[in-house]
Amino acid sequence: MKLQVMFQKDYYEQEGIKEVVDFITSDELIKVGNKERLERLQNELINKDWFMTLIDFADYCNTKGKNV
């Protein structure tokens, strides 16, 4: 049995997730937010993600879509 391990960066590279995470540091969002904090948030999601936000993102979107 081959064990496949995904790292945070792997989740970030998945279709749909990268676009959402990159939006955090887009010009549009930085205009209304704090650039340093937004960059820190993006970095945390890509490299640490203590709360496993990216891992659960697709399930969250699917569930949200069913409840709308």
C-alpha atoms as a PDB file:
ATOM      1  CA  MET A   1       0.000   0.000   0.000  1.00  0.00           C
ATOM      2  CA  LYS A   2       1.421   3.357  -1.025  1.00  0.00           C
ATOM      3  CA  LEU A   3       0.817   6.230   1.379  1.00  0.00           C
ATOM      4  CA  GLN A   4       0.327   9.583  -0.305  1.00  0.00           C
ATOM      5  CA  VAL A   5       1.034  12.594   1.847  1.00  0.00           C
ATOM      6  CA  MET A   6      -0.124  16.028   0.797  1.00  0.00           C
ATOM      7  CA  PHE A   7       1.540  19.098   2.160  1.00  0.00           C
ATOM      8  CA  GLN A   8      -0.065  22.510   2.520  1.00  0.00           C
ATOM      9  CA  LYS A   9       1.528  23.744  -0.700  1.00  0.00           C
ATOM     10  CA  ASP A  10      -0.089  20.801  -2.513  1.00  0.00           C
ATOM     11  CA  TYR A  11      -3.532  21.918  -1.369  1.00  0.00           C
ATOM     12  CA  TYR A  12      -2.736  25.490  -2.354  1.00  0.00           C
ATOM     13  CA  GLU A  13      -1.892  24.353  -5.905  1.00  0.00           C
ATOM     14  CA  GLN A  14      -5.290  22.669  -6.395  1.00  0.00           C
ATOM     15  CA  GLU A  15      -7.685  24.237  -8.867  1.00  0.00           C
ATOM     16  CA  GLY A  16      -9.888  26.850  -7.267  1.00  0.00           C
ATOM     17  CA  ILE A  17      -7.924  27.085  -4.030  1.00  0.00           C
ATOM     18  CA  LYS A  18      -4.913  28.933  -5.458  1.00  0.00           C
ATOM     19  CA  GLU A  19      -7.153  31.615  -6.956  1.00  0.00           C
ATOM     20  CA  VAL A  20      -8.941  32.199  -3.649  1.00  0.00           C
ATOM     21  CA  VAL A  21      -5.731  32.323  -1.590  1.00  0.00           C
ATOM     22  CA  ASP A  22      -4.048  34.629  -4.113  1.00  0.00           C
ATOM     23  CA  PHE A  23      -7.036  36.975  -3.931  1.00  0.00           C
ATOM     24  CA  ILE A  24      -6.015  37.688  -0.309  1.00  0.00           C
ATOM     25  CA  THR A  25      -3.035  39.701  -1.581  1.00  0.00           C
ATOM     26  CA  SER A  26      -4.662  41.082  -4.720  1.00  0.00           C
ATOM     27  CA  ASP A  27      -4.522  44.816  -5.382  1.00  0.00           C
ATOM     28  CA  GLU A  28      -8.280  44.939  -4.887  1.00  0.00           C
ATOM     29  CA  LEU A  29      -8.127  43.546  -1.340  1.00  0.00           C
ATOM     30  CA  ILE A  30      -4.927  45.351  -0.343  1.00  0.00           C
ATOM     31  CA  LYS A  31      -6.643  48.671  -1.153  1.00  0.00           C
ATOM     32  CA  VAL A  32      -9.101  48.062   1.684  1.00  0.00           C
ATOM     33  CA  GLY A  33      -6.884  46.040   4.026  1.00  0.00           C
ATOM     34  CA  ASN A  34      -3.494  45.984   5.681  1.00  0.00           C
ATOM     35  CA  LYS A  35      -0.924  44.693   3.166  1.00  0.00           C
ATOM     36  CA  GLU A  36       1.418  43.238   5.798  1.00  0.00           C
ATOM     37  CA  ARG A  37      -1.375  41.351   7.569  1.00  0.00           C
ATOM     38  CA  LEU A  38      -2.887  40.058   4.344  1.00  0.00           C
ATOM     39  CA  GLU A  39       0.515  38.803   3.158  1.00  0.00           C
ATOM     40  CA  ARG A  40       1.060  37.146   6.529  1.00  0.00           C
ATOM     41  CA  LEU A  41      -2.343  35.453   6.308  1.00  0.00           C
ATOM     42  CA  GLN A  42      -1.624  34.186   2.807  1.00  0.00           C
ATOM     43  CA  ASN A  43       1.777  32.866   3.898  1.00  0.00           C
ATOM     44  CA  GLU A  44       0.250  31.103   6.922  1.00  0.00           C
ATOM     45  CA  LEU A  45      -2.391  29.402   4.764  1.00  0.00           C
ATOM     46  CA  ILE A  46       0.178  28.179   2.252  1.00  0.00           C
ATOM     47  CA  ASN A  47       2.930  27.123   4.651  1.00  0.00           C
ATOM     48  CA  LYS A  48       1.366  26.304   8.038  1.00  0.00           C
ATOM     49  CA  ASP A  49      -2.457  26.346   8.018  1.00  0.00           C
ATOM     50  CA  TRP A  50      -2.795  25.235  11.636  1.00  0.00           C
ATOM     51  CA  PHE A  51      -6.588  25.076  11.298  1.00  0.00           C
ATOM     52  CA  MET A  52      -6.462  23.022   8.060  1.00  0.00           C
ATOM     53  CA  THR A  53      -8.440  25.625   6.178  1.00  0.00           C
ATOM     54  CA  LEU A  54      -7.247  24.581   2.732  1.00  0.00           C
ATOM     55  CA  ILE A  55      -7.818  20.884   3.375  1.00  0.00           C
ATOM     56  CA  ASP A  56     -11.495  21.526   4.158  1.00  0.00           C
ATOM     57  CA  PHE A  57     -12.061  24.264   1.576  1.00  0.00           C
ATOM     58  CA  ALA A  58     -13.609  22.135  -1.192  1.00  0.00           C
ATOM     59  CA  ASP A  59     -15.984  20.411   1.251  1.00  0.00           C
ATOM     60  CA  TYR A  60     -16.945  23.784   2.697  1.00  0.00           C
ATOM     61  CA  CYS A  61     -17.788  25.168  -0.747  1.00  0.00           C
ATOM     62  CA  ASN A  62     -19.813  22.061  -1.666  1.00  0.00           C
ATOM     63  CA  THR A  63     -21.769  22.176   1.583  1.00  0.00           C
ATOM     64  CA  LYS A  64     -22.360  25.914   1.323  1.00  0.00           C
ATOM     65  CA  GLY A  65     -23.661  25.478  -2.213  1.00  0.00           C
ATOM     66  CA  LYS A  66     -26.204  22.907  -1.053  1.00  0.00           C
ATOM     67  CA  ASN A  67     -27.512  25.190   1.682  1.00  0.00           C
ATOM     68  CA  VAL A  68     -27.976  28.294  -0.446  1.00  0.00           C
END
